[in-house]
Amino acid sequence: MSLAVLSLAFTMILILGYHFYGRFIAKQYALNDQNPTPATAINDGEDFVPTKPFYLLGQHFSAIAAAGPIAGPIIACQAFGWLPCILWIGLGVIFIGAVHDFSALIASVRYQARSIAEVVKENIGKRAWIAMTAFIWLALVYVIVAFADITASTFVGKSEEFEGGKFFFNPGGAVAASSVLYMLLAIVMGLLQRYLKVPLWLLTVIFVPGTLGAVWLGTKVSSLLLFDQKTWGMMILAYCFVASILPVWLLLQPRGYLGGFVLYLALGIGVAGIFWGGFGIEQEAFKTWAAPGTTGTLFPFLFVTIACGACSGFHGLVCSGTTSKQISQESHCKPVGYGGMLLEGFVALISLATIMIVSSSETKGLSPGVIYGNGLAHFLTKMIGEEHFLFASTFGAMAFSTFVFDTLDVSTRLGRYVLQELFGLKGKQGAMIATALTLLLPAIFILLSKEGAYRLYWTLFGTSNQLLAALTLLGITVWLYQSGKRYWFTLVPMFFVMTITTWSLVLQIGHGARLIHERGFEFNPITINAVISVALILLAATQCYEAGKIFFLRKKG
C-alpha cells in the first residue's frame, strides 16, 4: 500500500472532523464573541494578553506537540502493528482528544482563566480539588521519568556500520552533542536579547541556521560526550532542576522559540517524505492481540501507549494554564483548542510513518528516538542526497530530544507550582525545595531501574496522562450538568477513557502483586508502577465519588 494514499485519507478525515464535529462541539458551548474574555478584560501586558488566533495556535501547538505523539505511536506499532494505531489516533483525536482540549480551554476562559483544578474545585468541591491536584503532580512525575529515561536511551549507543575506515561515528554521541550545543545556543540568544537588545529578526537569522550548524558539528564530535544511560538520565534531571529555577528569558523562551522552528522543519520534512518520497509500507498492519514481554494485550494497552497522539490530560494543563489567558474572542477556542489537537494527531501520523517505511527486523531493539530520527533521515535524504544521511539522522534524533526537553521543562515547572500551592512554599527557597521534591522520585526510579525501563514507565505515564484527561472531562461534565446544558459529548468519552485507564491500572497492579508474591518486594518498574497505580486509583475514585454525590443529590432533590 502507498504511504501517501493512506496519509491523504487520514488527513481528509481530520479536516472533515474539524469541519463537522468541531462545529457541533462549538455549538454546544454557544460561543459568543460579545462575552469579554479574561485576556481582554484584564490585559495586563504580561500574563493576560489578547493574541491573534494564528499566532496563538502556533504557540499553543508548540507547547502541546512535544515527544508524546512521537514516541507513543512508534512503541505501539512495534507491539501491535500500524493499523490499530492509525485507527485509534484518527478516531480518538476527533471524538475524545480534541473535545477534551476544546472543553478545557473554554471552561478556563469562562472561569477567568483559572486552572482546570480550580474549575474542579468550583464545581465539585475542595476535596476533589486536593485529589485532582495530587493526581496532577503524580502524573507530572511520571512524565519526567518516562521522558528523561527515553532521552537518555537516545543519547547512548553506537552503530557498527559507521565504525572503521577513516572515522568513528557514534549516533548517540552525535545526538547528545547536538542537543547540548543547541541548549548553549539558546542561552546565548537569551543573553543577547536581554542585555544587548538585539532585534528578534536578527536573532532569528543567526540562531535558526545556527541550530542546523549545531547538528552538523555534533556529527563531527560524536565521540566527545559518551556516558552510560544512568549518567545521562541524572544529567537530564539536573538540567530540569536548573531550567526550572532559571528565569524564563535566559533559557525557556529562547529555547522554545528555536524549538518551534525545529518542530515546523521536522513537520515539513515529514510531509515532503510522506507525500513525495515514494515510500511504501513495510511494517505489518496487524501483529498480535497480545504483544510478547510486558506490553500486554491490545485492549487496553494500545490506547494508553498512544497517549498524547489521541488524547492527553497534559493538554488540559496547557489550555487552562497559558492559552486561556491569551484568547481574545470565544470563537477562537475552536481553531486553537480543537484544531490544535487535530494538528497533534497529524504529528502522530508522521511519527507512525517513520516506522511504517521500514521492516520489523530493522527496528527491533531500537528506541523510539532512534527510529524517529532514522525515519526523518530517510525522508530528508530524498531531498538532500544519501551522502548526507549522518547529518539527517542526527537532525531527526536531535529534533526528538528537543521536543522532549520542551516537555521536561514544562512538567518540572508545573510540578513545582503544584507543590508550592499545596504546601505554601514561597520565594526562591520554596521553589528550589518544590523542584527538588518533584525530581526526587524520577531520580530514584532512574538510578535503580535497568536500561530500557522507559517502556514500562511509559505505560503508566500514558495511563495517568489519559486518566487525567478523563478527570478533566468529569469536572467539565459536572459544570455542564449544573449549568443545565447538554453534557453527553463529554460524558461518553469520559466513560470510555476512564474505563480503559482503570483497566490498565488494575492490570498493572495485578502484575506487580504477582511479582511481589513470587519474589517479595523488589524495587523495579513493575512493582513501583503497581504502587503508584493504587495511589492513582484512590485519587481518581475520590474525585469520582465527590462528583457522583452532586449528580445523586441534585436528582434526589
Protein backbone atom coordinates (compact mmCIF):
# COMPACT_ATOMS: atom_id res chain seq x y z
CA MET A 1 0.00 0.00 0.00
CA SER A 2 1.19 3.53 -0.72
CA LEU A 3 2.02 5.57 2.36
CA ALA A 4 0.96 8.74 0.55
CA VAL A 5 -2.56 7.44 -0.22
CA LEU A 6 -3.12 6.25 3.35
CA SER A 7 -1.85 9.54 4.78
CA LEU A 8 -4.02 11.59 2.41
CA ALA A 9 -7.11 9.67 3.53
CA PHE A 10 -6.16 10.21 7.17
CA THR A 11 -5.64 13.94 6.58
CA MET A 12 -9.05 14.26 4.93
CA ILE A 13 -10.67 12.57 7.92
CA LEU A 14 -9.06 15.13 10.24
CA ILE A 15 -10.30 18.00 8.05
CA LEU A 16 -13.84 16.60 7.99
CA GLY A 17 -13.72 16.05 11.76
CA TYR A 18 -12.78 19.68 12.33
CA HIS A 19 -15.47 20.98 9.98
CA PHE A 20 -18.40 18.87 11.19
CA TYR A 21 -17.78 17.55 14.72
CA GLY A 22 -15.72 20.57 15.75
CA ARG A 23 -18.56 22.84 14.66
CA PHE A 24 -21.04 20.68 16.59
CA ILE A 25 -18.99 20.92 19.81
CA ALA A 26 -18.61 24.69 19.36
CA LYS A 27 -22.39 24.96 19.06
CA GLN A 28 -22.87 23.14 22.39
CA TYR A 29 -20.83 25.80 24.19
CA ALA A 30 -22.71 28.65 22.48
CA LEU A 31 -19.55 30.62 21.80
CA ASN A 32 -20.25 34.34 21.89
CA ASP A 33 -17.69 36.95 20.87
CA GLN A 34 -19.66 39.57 22.77
CA ASN A 35 -18.57 37.98 26.05
CA PRO A 36 -15.32 39.59 27.25
CA THR A 37 -12.54 37.03 27.69
CA PRO A 38 -10.04 37.23 30.59
CA ALA A 39 -7.37 38.39 28.13
CA THR A 40 -9.42 41.40 27.02
CA ALA A 41 -10.89 42.15 30.46
CA ILE A 42 -7.55 42.12 32.32
CA ASN A 43 -4.99 42.72 29.55
CA ASP A 44 -2.06 43.36 31.90
CA GLY A 45 0.57 43.04 29.17
CA GLU A 46 2.26 40.14 31.00
CA ASP A 47 0.15 37.03 31.52
CA PHE A 48 -3.16 38.25 30.10
CA VAL A 49 -2.52 39.38 26.51
CA PRO A 50 -5.14 39.20 23.71
CA THR A 51 -3.45 37.34 20.85
CA LYS A 52 -4.47 36.76 17.25
CA PRO A 53 -5.62 33.16 16.72
CA PHE A 54 -2.99 32.39 14.06
CA TYR A 55 -0.10 33.28 16.39
CA LEU A 56 -1.77 31.76 19.44
CA LEU A 57 -2.35 28.49 17.59
CA GLY A 58 1.35 28.29 16.78
CA GLN A 59 2.33 28.92 20.40
CA HIS A 60 -0.26 26.50 21.75
CA PHE A 61 0.69 23.81 19.22
CA SER A 62 4.38 24.13 20.11
CA ALA A 63 3.50 23.70 23.80
CA ILE A 64 1.41 20.53 23.36
CA ALA A 65 3.22 18.87 20.43
CA ALA A 66 6.21 17.51 22.29
CA ALA A 67 7.61 13.97 22.23
CA GLY A 68 4.40 12.25 23.38
CA PRO A 69 2.77 11.91 19.93
CA ILE A 70 6.16 10.78 18.55
CA ALA A 71 7.23 8.03 20.95
CA GLY A 72 3.78 6.57 21.69
CA PRO A 73 2.80 5.59 18.12
CA ILE A 74 6.24 4.06 17.50
CA ILE A 75 6.14 1.94 20.66
CA ALA A 76 2.58 0.81 19.89
CA CYS A 77 3.41 0.00 16.26
CA GLN A 78 6.35 -2.13 17.36
CA ALA A 79 3.98 -4.12 19.55
CA PHE A 80 0.67 -4.30 17.66
CA GLY A 81 1.16 -3.10 14.06
CA TRP A 82 0.27 0.16 12.34
CA LEU A 83 -3.44 -0.42 11.60
CA PRO A 84 -4.74 -0.38 15.22
CA CYS A 85 -2.53 2.65 15.84
CA ILE A 86 -3.85 4.75 12.98
CA LEU A 87 -7.46 3.84 13.78
CA TRP A 88 -7.11 4.91 17.41
CA ILE A 89 -5.24 8.10 16.52
CA GLY A 90 -7.88 9.15 13.97
CA LEU A 91 -10.99 8.31 15.97
CA GLY A 92 -9.53 9.23 19.34
CA VAL A 93 -8.23 12.64 18.33
CA ILE A 94 -11.56 13.73 16.72
CA PHE A 95 -14.07 12.43 19.26
CA ILE A 96 -12.05 12.47 22.50
CA GLY A 97 -8.75 14.36 22.43
CA ALA A 98 -9.91 17.47 20.57
CA VAL A 99 -13.14 17.56 22.59
CA HIS A 100 -11.09 17.42 25.79
CA ASP A 101 -8.75 20.24 24.73
CA PHE A 102 -11.54 22.46 23.41
CA SER A 103 -13.64 21.90 26.54
CA ALA A 104 -10.76 22.55 28.93
CA LEU A 105 -9.93 25.76 27.09
CA ILE A 106 -13.46 27.20 27.03
CA ALA A 107 -14.08 26.16 30.66
CA SER A 108 -10.95 28.01 31.77
CA VAL A 109 -11.88 31.07 29.67
CA ARG A 110 -15.29 31.22 31.35
CA TYR A 111 -13.73 30.81 34.81
CA GLN A 112 -11.41 33.83 34.49
CA ALA A 113 -8.57 31.73 33.01
CA ARG A 114 -8.22 29.64 36.15
CA SER A 115 -6.62 26.19 36.03
CA ILE A 116 -8.65 23.07 35.39
CA ALA A 117 -8.07 22.05 39.02
CA GLU A 118 -9.68 25.32 40.11
CA VAL A 119 -12.64 24.61 37.81
CA VAL A 120 -12.99 21.24 39.56
CA LYS A 121 -12.83 22.96 42.95
CA GLU A 122 -15.53 25.43 41.92
CA ASN A 123 -17.92 22.75 40.66
CA ILE A 124 -17.19 19.67 42.75
CA GLY A 125 -15.54 20.90 45.94
CA LYS A 126 -12.28 21.26 47.87
CA ARG A 127 -11.78 17.54 48.48
CA ALA A 128 -11.99 16.85 44.76
CA TRP A 129 -9.57 19.73 44.14
CA ILE A 130 -6.99 18.26 46.53
CA ALA A 131 -7.33 14.83 44.89
CA MET A 132 -7.06 16.36 41.42
CA THR A 133 -4.01 18.42 42.36
CA ALA A 134 -2.21 15.43 43.89
CA PHE A 135 -3.11 13.36 40.83
CA ILE A 136 -1.67 16.04 38.54
CA TRP A 137 1.61 16.03 40.49
CA LEU A 138 1.99 12.24 40.28
CA ALA A 139 1.17 12.33 36.57
CA LEU A 140 3.83 15.01 36.04
CA VAL A 141 6.38 12.93 37.94
CA TYR A 142 5.78 10.06 35.52
CA VAL A 143 6.08 12.41 32.56
CA ILE A 144 9.55 13.34 33.83
CA VAL A 145 10.52 9.70 34.48
CA ALA A 146 9.43 8.42 31.07
CA PHE A 147 10.84 11.29 29.01
CA ALA A 148 14.15 11.57 30.89
CA ASP A 149 14.79 7.85 30.53
CA ILE A 150 13.79 7.70 26.87
CA THR A 151 16.05 10.68 26.06
CA ALA A 152 18.95 9.08 27.90
CA SER A 153 18.50 5.99 25.73
CA THR A 154 18.70 8.19 22.63
CA PHE A 155 22.00 9.68 23.83
CA VAL A 156 23.59 6.24 24.24
CA GLY A 157 24.73 3.77 21.62
CA LYS A 158 26.87 3.22 18.59
CA SER A 159 26.38 1.62 15.22
CA GLU A 160 28.93 -0.85 13.83
CA GLU A 161 28.15 0.18 10.27
CA PHE A 162 29.86 3.53 10.94
CA GLU A 163 32.97 2.09 12.60
CA GLY A 164 36.31 1.57 10.86
CA GLY A 165 37.65 3.34 7.80
CA LYS A 166 38.67 6.94 8.22
CA PHE A 167 36.35 7.90 11.05
CA PHE A 168 34.44 6.75 14.08
CA PHE A 169 30.82 7.82 14.38
CA ASN A 170 28.61 7.30 17.41
CA PRO A 171 24.95 8.15 16.64
CA GLY A 172 24.03 8.59 20.31
CA GLY A 173 27.04 10.77 20.96
CA ALA A 174 26.21 12.92 17.93
CA VAL A 175 22.66 13.49 19.17
CA ALA A 176 23.90 14.29 22.69
CA ALA A 177 26.50 16.76 21.41
CA SER A 178 23.98 18.43 19.08
CA SER A 179 21.45 18.75 21.90
CA VAL A 180 24.00 20.30 24.29
CA LEU A 181 25.16 22.76 21.62
CA TYR A 182 21.53 23.63 20.92
CA MET A 183 20.94 24.46 24.60
CA LEU A 184 24.05 26.66 24.68
CA LEU A 185 22.81 28.48 21.57
CA ALA A 186 19.50 29.18 23.32
CA ILE A 187 21.30 30.64 26.37
CA VAL A 188 23.49 32.88 24.20
CA MET A 189 20.39 34.04 22.32
CA GLY A 190 18.62 34.85 25.59
CA LEU A 191 21.60 36.86 26.86
CA LEU A 192 21.89 38.84 23.61
CA GLN A 193 18.20 39.62 23.59
CA ARG A 194 18.14 40.60 27.27
CA TYR A 195 21.26 42.73 27.61
CA LEU A 196 22.17 43.90 24.10
CA LYS A 197 18.56 44.29 22.90
CA VAL A 198 19.34 42.56 19.61
CA PRO A 199 16.16 42.60 17.45
CA LEU A 200 14.29 39.32 17.11
CA TRP A 201 14.58 39.20 13.31
CA LEU A 202 18.37 39.36 13.52
CA LEU A 203 18.48 36.70 16.24
CA THR A 204 16.27 34.52 14.03
CA VAL A 205 18.56 34.96 11.04
CA ILE A 206 21.58 34.00 13.14
CA PHE A 207 20.34 31.31 15.51
CA VAL A 208 17.91 29.28 13.40
CA PRO A 209 20.67 28.37 10.90
CA GLY A 210 22.91 28.04 13.95
CA THR A 211 20.68 25.21 15.14
CA LEU A 212 21.41 23.28 11.93
CA GLY A 213 25.07 24.14 12.44
CA ALA A 214 24.89 22.53 15.88
CA VAL A 215 23.59 19.35 14.24
CA TRP A 216 26.47 19.34 11.73
CA LEU A 217 29.04 19.99 14.47
CA GLY A 218 27.52 17.21 16.58
CA THR A 219 28.29 14.69 13.84
CA LYS A 220 31.95 15.82 13.93
CA VAL A 221 32.36 15.40 17.71
CA SER A 222 30.19 12.32 18.16
CA SER A 223 32.76 10.60 20.41
CA LEU A 224 33.09 13.55 22.81
CA LEU A 225 30.08 13.04 25.12
CA LEU A 226 29.89 9.30 25.76
CA PHE A 227 28.23 8.31 29.03
CA ASP A 228 26.09 5.39 30.12
CA GLN A 229 22.31 5.67 30.24
CA LYS A 230 22.00 6.21 34.01
CA THR A 231 24.56 9.01 33.92
CA TRP A 232 22.71 10.72 31.11
CA GLY A 233 19.44 10.26 32.97
CA MET A 234 20.78 12.01 36.06
CA MET A 235 22.35 14.77 33.97
CA ILE A 236 18.99 15.37 32.27
CA LEU A 237 17.29 15.63 35.67
CA ALA A 238 19.98 18.10 36.77
CA TYR A 239 19.16 20.12 33.66
CA CYS A 240 15.46 20.01 34.64
CA PHE A 241 16.29 21.40 38.08
CA VAL A 242 18.35 24.27 36.68
CA ALA A 243 15.91 25.04 33.86
CA SER A 244 13.02 25.16 36.31
CA ILE A 245 14.79 27.71 38.51
CA LEU A 246 16.37 29.93 35.84
CA PRO A 247 14.44 32.99 34.66
CA VAL A 248 12.37 32.15 31.59
CA TRP A 249 14.15 34.74 29.40
CA LEU A 250 17.51 33.00 29.82
CA LEU A 251 16.62 29.51 28.58
CA LEU A 252 12.93 28.64 28.38
CA GLN A 253 11.82 31.37 25.98
CA PRO A 254 14.75 31.31 23.53
CA ARG A 255 14.85 27.51 23.54
CA GLY A 256 11.12 27.37 22.96
CA TYR A 257 11.42 29.89 20.12
CA LEU A 258 14.16 27.92 18.38
CA GLY A 259 12.33 24.66 19.16
CA GLY A 260 9.32 25.94 17.24
CA PHE A 261 11.43 26.20 14.11
CA VAL A 262 12.79 22.69 14.70
CA LEU A 263 9.23 21.41 15.09
CA TYR A 264 7.96 23.01 11.90
CA LEU A 265 11.05 21.92 9.97
CA ALA A 266 10.53 18.34 11.14
CA LEU A 267 6.86 18.57 10.12
CA GLY A 268 7.83 19.91 6.71
CA ILE A 269 10.33 17.10 6.19
CA GLY A 270 7.71 14.56 7.26
CA VAL A 271 5.07 15.93 4.89
CA ALA A 272 7.51 16.01 1.97
CA GLY A 273 8.72 12.50 2.68
CA ILE A 274 5.25 11.02 3.08
CA PHE A 275 3.64 12.58 0.02
CA TRP A 276 6.57 12.92 -2.39
CA GLY A 277 9.14 10.41 -1.16
CA GLY A 278 7.56 7.41 -2.89
CA PHE A 279 7.74 5.22 0.21
CA GLY A 280 5.73 2.05 0.63
CA ILE A 281 4.59 0.44 3.88
CA GLU A 282 6.97 -2.25 5.16
CA GLN A 283 5.57 -2.83 8.66
CA GLU A 284 2.80 -5.36 9.28
CA ALA A 285 -0.68 -3.86 9.52
CA PHE A 286 -1.52 -6.08 12.47
CA LYS A 287 0.91 -8.14 14.55
CA THR A 288 -0.81 -9.59 17.58
CA TRP A 289 -3.51 -9.08 20.20
CA ALA A 290 -1.08 -9.88 22.99
CA ALA A 291 2.40 -8.47 22.48
CA PRO A 292 5.28 -10.50 23.94
CA GLY A 293 7.04 -9.31 27.06
CA THR A 294 5.35 -6.86 29.40
CA THR A 295 3.46 -4.66 26.95
CA GLY A 296 0.30 -6.68 27.45
CA THR A 297 -2.83 -7.04 25.37
CA LEU A 298 -4.07 -4.61 22.72
CA PHE A 299 -7.02 -3.77 24.97
CA PRO A 300 -6.29 -1.64 26.94
CA PHE A 301 -2.56 -1.04 26.36
CA LEU A 302 -2.76 0.22 22.77
CA PHE A 303 -4.87 3.15 23.94
CA VAL A 304 -2.68 4.22 26.85
CA THR A 305 0.56 3.71 24.90
CA ILE A 306 -0.55 6.19 22.23
CA ALA A 307 -1.40 8.79 24.83
CA CYS A 308 -0.70 12.28 23.52
CA GLY A 309 -1.35 11.43 19.88
CA ALA A 310 -5.01 10.71 20.55
CA CYS A 311 -5.89 12.13 23.99
CA SER A 312 -3.76 13.88 26.59
CA GLY A 313 -4.62 15.23 30.02
CA PHE A 314 -1.40 17.26 29.90
CA HIS A 315 -3.05 19.43 27.23
CA GLY A 316 -5.70 20.48 29.71
CA LEU A 317 -2.96 21.94 31.91
CA VAL A 318 -1.62 23.94 28.95
CA CYS A 319 -5.11 25.07 27.85
CA SER A 320 -6.01 26.29 31.33
CA GLY A 321 -2.51 27.48 32.22
CA THR A 322 -1.32 29.83 29.49
CA THR A 323 -3.54 29.58 26.41
CA SER A 324 -6.78 30.65 28.11
CA LYS A 325 -5.08 33.89 29.21
CA GLN A 326 -4.48 34.87 25.57
CA ILE A 327 -7.82 34.07 23.92
CA SER A 328 -9.20 37.37 22.64
CA GLN A 329 -12.60 36.03 21.47
CA GLU A 330 -14.54 32.93 22.45
CA SER A 331 -14.82 31.78 18.83
CA HIS A 332 -11.02 31.40 18.74
CA CYS A 333 -11.30 28.44 21.12
CA LYS A 334 -12.32 26.19 18.23
CA PRO A 335 -9.27 26.65 15.97
CA VAL A 336 -6.84 26.83 18.90
CA GLY A 337 -8.28 24.09 21.15
CA TYR A 338 -9.97 21.69 18.74
CA GLY A 339 -7.76 22.46 15.74
CA GLY A 340 -4.52 22.35 17.75
CA MET A 341 -5.27 18.80 18.90
CA LEU A 342 -6.02 17.67 15.34
CA LEU A 343 -2.61 19.03 14.32
CA GLU A 344 -1.10 16.88 17.05
CA GLY A 345 -2.88 13.90 15.53
CA PHE A 346 -1.07 14.74 12.29
CA VAL A 347 2.25 14.83 14.19
CA ALA A 348 1.41 11.31 15.42
CA LEU A 349 0.78 10.25 11.80
CA ILE A 350 4.25 11.47 10.75
CA SER A 351 5.78 9.63 13.69
CA LEU A 352 3.93 6.46 12.74
CA ALA A 353 5.13 6.85 9.15
CA THR A 354 8.78 6.86 10.26
CA ILE A 355 8.43 3.26 11.46
CA MET A 356 5.97 2.11 8.78
CA ILE A 357 8.55 2.60 6.00
CA VAL A 358 10.98 0.04 7.49
CA SER A 359 10.56 -3.62 8.38
CA SER A 360 10.16 -5.00 11.89
CA SER A 361 13.59 -6.63 11.76
CA GLU A 362 15.22 -3.23 11.11
CA THR A 363 13.55 -1.59 14.13
CA LYS A 364 13.92 -4.44 16.63
CA GLY A 365 15.54 -3.23 19.84
CA LEU A 366 15.74 0.42 18.74
CA SER A 367 14.39 3.23 20.91
CA PRO A 368 11.62 5.49 19.55
CA GLY A 369 14.01 8.44 19.31
CA VAL A 370 16.39 6.48 17.09
CA ILE A 371 13.56 5.15 14.90
CA TYR A 372 12.09 8.62 14.51
CA GLY A 373 15.49 10.11 13.71
CA ASN A 374 16.25 7.45 11.12
CA GLY A 375 12.79 7.82 9.58
CA LEU A 376 13.16 11.58 9.19
CA ALA A 377 16.62 10.91 7.77
CA HIS A 378 15.12 8.68 5.06
CA PHE A 379 12.62 11.44 4.24
CA LEU A 380 15.26 14.19 4.24
CA THR A 381 17.84 12.34 2.17
CA LYS A 382 15.30 12.09 -0.63
CA MET A 383 15.80 15.85 -0.94
CA ILE A 384 19.46 16.40 0.00
CA GLY A 385 21.03 13.11 -1.05
CA GLU A 386 22.01 9.83 0.63
CA GLU A 387 25.55 11.09 1.23
CA HIS A 388 24.13 13.38 3.97
CA PHE A 389 22.45 10.56 5.91
CA LEU A 390 24.60 11.10 9.03
CA PHE A 391 23.52 14.74 9.26
CA ALA A 392 19.89 13.87 8.51
CA SER A 393 19.68 11.09 11.12
CA THR A 394 21.34 13.29 13.74
CA PHE A 395 18.90 16.11 12.99
CA GLY A 396 15.92 13.77 13.35
CA ALA A 397 17.05 12.37 16.70
CA MET A 398 18.04 15.84 17.94
CA ALA A 399 14.59 17.11 16.96
CA PHE A 400 13.11 14.33 19.09
CA SER A 401 15.26 15.30 22.09
CA THR A 402 14.32 18.97 21.53
CA PHE A 403 10.63 18.11 21.84
CA VAL A 404 11.40 16.06 24.95
CA PHE A 405 13.18 18.96 26.65
CA ASP A 406 10.12 21.14 26.00
CA THR A 407 8.01 18.60 27.88
CA LEU A 408 10.55 18.16 30.69
CA ASP A 409 10.84 21.91 31.28
CA VAL A 410 7.11 22.47 31.44
CA SER A 411 6.43 19.36 33.55
CA THR A 412 9.10 20.25 36.11
CA ARG A 413 7.82 23.81 36.42
CA LEU A 414 4.21 22.66 36.75
CA GLY A 415 5.21 20.09 39.37
CA ARG A 416 6.96 22.85 41.31
CA TYR A 417 3.91 25.12 41.06
CA VAL A 418 1.63 22.33 42.33
CA LEU A 419 3.73 21.65 45.43
CA GLN A 420 4.23 25.35 46.15
CA GLU A 421 0.46 25.87 46.01
CA LEU A 422 -0.38 22.82 48.12
CA PHE A 423 2.17 23.46 50.87
CA GLY A 424 2.53 27.24 50.70
CA LEU A 425 6.21 27.19 49.73
CA LYS A 426 7.24 30.77 48.98
CA GLY A 427 10.20 32.51 47.38
CA LYS A 428 13.30 31.10 45.73
CA GLN A 429 13.96 28.70 48.58
CA GLY A 430 10.43 27.32 48.33
CA ALA A 431 10.80 26.99 44.57
CA MET A 432 14.05 25.03 44.96
CA ILE A 433 12.54 22.72 47.59
CA ALA A 434 9.44 22.06 45.46
CA THR A 435 11.59 21.39 42.38
CA ALA A 436 13.87 19.02 44.29
CA LEU A 437 10.88 17.10 45.66
CA THR A 438 9.37 16.85 42.18
CA LEU A 439 12.62 15.41 40.77
CA LEU A 440 13.38 13.11 43.73
CA LEU A 441 11.19 10.20 42.60
CA PRO A 442 12.38 10.35 38.96
CA ALA A 443 15.99 10.28 40.21
CA ILE A 444 15.33 7.20 42.36
CA PHE A 445 13.50 5.45 39.53
CA ILE A 446 16.27 6.08 37.00
CA LEU A 447 19.10 5.09 39.38
CA LEU A 448 17.50 1.81 40.44
CA SER A 449 15.98 0.73 37.12
CA LYS A 450 17.58 -1.29 34.33
CA GLU A 451 18.18 0.12 30.87
CA GLY A 452 15.09 0.08 28.68
CA ALA A 453 12.79 0.58 31.68
CA TYR A 454 11.23 3.56 29.90
CA ARG A 455 8.87 1.17 28.08
CA LEU A 456 7.37 0.08 31.39
CA TYR A 457 7.32 3.59 32.81
CA TRP A 458 5.78 4.80 29.55
CA THR A 459 2.78 2.51 30.10
CA LEU A 460 1.93 4.11 33.43
CA PHE A 461 2.77 7.57 32.10
CA GLY A 462 0.28 7.09 29.26
CA THR A 463 -2.30 5.66 31.64
CA SER A 464 -2.02 8.50 34.16
CA ASN A 465 -1.99 11.08 31.36
CA GLN A 466 -5.22 9.78 29.87
CA LEU A 467 -6.86 9.26 33.26
CA LEU A 468 -6.09 12.92 33.95
CA ALA A 469 -7.98 13.71 30.72
CA ALA A 470 -10.91 11.63 31.97
CA LEU A 471 -10.94 13.50 35.30
CA THR A 472 -10.82 16.81 33.43
CA LEU A 473 -13.80 15.72 31.32
CA LEU A 474 -15.57 14.65 34.53
CA GLY A 475 -15.14 18.13 36.01
CA ILE A 476 -16.40 19.74 32.79
CA THR A 477 -19.35 17.33 32.68
CA VAL A 478 -20.38 18.37 36.20
CA TRP A 479 -20.06 22.04 35.18
CA LEU A 480 -22.29 21.49 32.14
CA TYR A 481 -24.74 19.43 34.17
CA GLN A 482 -25.10 22.10 36.85
CA SER A 483 -25.48 24.75 34.13
CA GLY A 484 -28.43 22.86 32.65
CA LYS A 485 -26.66 22.18 29.35
CA ARG A 486 -26.04 19.07 27.26
CA TYR A 487 -23.16 17.04 28.58
CA TRP A 488 -23.24 13.66 26.80
CA PHE A 489 -20.43 14.70 24.40
CA THR A 490 -18.04 14.96 27.37
CA LEU A 491 -19.66 12.21 29.46
CA VAL A 492 -19.33 9.45 26.82
CA PRO A 493 -15.60 9.98 26.09
CA MET A 494 -15.03 10.40 29.82
CA PHE A 495 -16.53 6.95 30.49
CA PHE A 496 -14.52 5.35 27.68
CA VAL A 497 -11.18 6.82 28.78
CA MET A 498 -11.97 6.18 32.45
CA THR A 499 -12.74 2.52 31.68
CA ILE A 500 -9.62 1.98 29.57
CA THR A 501 -7.28 3.64 32.06
CA THR A 502 -8.77 1.96 35.13
CA TRP A 503 -8.50 -1.38 33.33
CA SER A 504 -4.84 -0.64 32.60
CA LEU A 505 -4.15 0.35 36.23
CA VAL A 506 -5.82 -2.79 37.57
CA LEU A 507 -3.75 -4.99 35.25
CA GLN A 508 -0.56 -3.22 36.31
CA ILE A 509 -1.49 -3.65 39.98
CA GLY A 510 -2.15 -7.35 39.36
CA HIS A 511 1.16 -7.77 37.56
CA GLY A 512 3.03 -6.11 40.40
CA ALA A 513 1.15 -8.09 43.07
CA ARG A 514 2.04 -11.40 41.39
CA LEU A 515 5.69 -10.39 41.22
CA ILE A 516 5.72 -9.35 44.88
CA HIS A 517 4.05 -12.66 45.83
CA GLU A 518 6.68 -14.65 43.93
CA ARG A 519 9.84 -12.71 44.87
CA GLY A 520 8.93 -10.39 47.70
CA PHE A 521 9.07 -6.63 47.27
CA GLU A 522 11.83 -5.53 44.92
CA PHE A 523 12.47 -2.08 43.53
CA ASN A 524 11.72 -2.44 39.83
CA PRO A 525 9.38 -0.67 37.37
CA ILE A 526 6.68 -3.33 37.66
CA THR A 527 6.28 -3.16 41.45
CA ILE A 528 6.69 0.63 41.56
CA ASN A 529 4.07 1.01 38.82
CA ALA A 530 1.74 -1.16 40.88
CA VAL A 531 2.17 1.02 43.99
CA ILE A 532 1.67 4.26 42.06
CA SER A 533 -1.33 2.71 40.27
CA VAL A 534 -3.03 2.12 43.62
CA ALA A 535 -2.47 5.78 44.57
CA LEU A 536 -3.82 6.99 41.21
CA ILE A 537 -6.96 4.85 41.51
CA LEU A 538 -7.64 6.14 45.03
CA LEU A 539 -7.21 9.78 43.97
CA ALA A 540 -9.40 9.31 40.90
CA ALA A 541 -12.03 7.47 42.95
CA THR A 542 -12.15 10.40 45.38
CA GLN A 543 -12.99 12.85 42.61
CA CYS A 544 -15.50 10.44 41.06
CA TYR A 545 -17.18 9.99 44.45
CA GLU A 546 -17.45 13.73 45.02
CA ALA A 547 -18.82 14.23 41.50
CA GLY A 548 -21.26 11.37 41.94
CA LYS A 549 -22.67 12.99 45.08
CA ILE A 550 -23.53 16.09 43.07
CA PHE A 551 -25.45 14.09 40.48
CA PHE A 552 -27.19 11.97 43.12
CA LEU A 553 -28.12 14.80 45.50
CA ARG A 554 -29.42 17.04 42.73
CA LYS A 555 -31.59 14.29 41.27
CA LYS A 556 -32.80 13.34 44.74
CA GLY A 557 -33.65 16.96 45.47
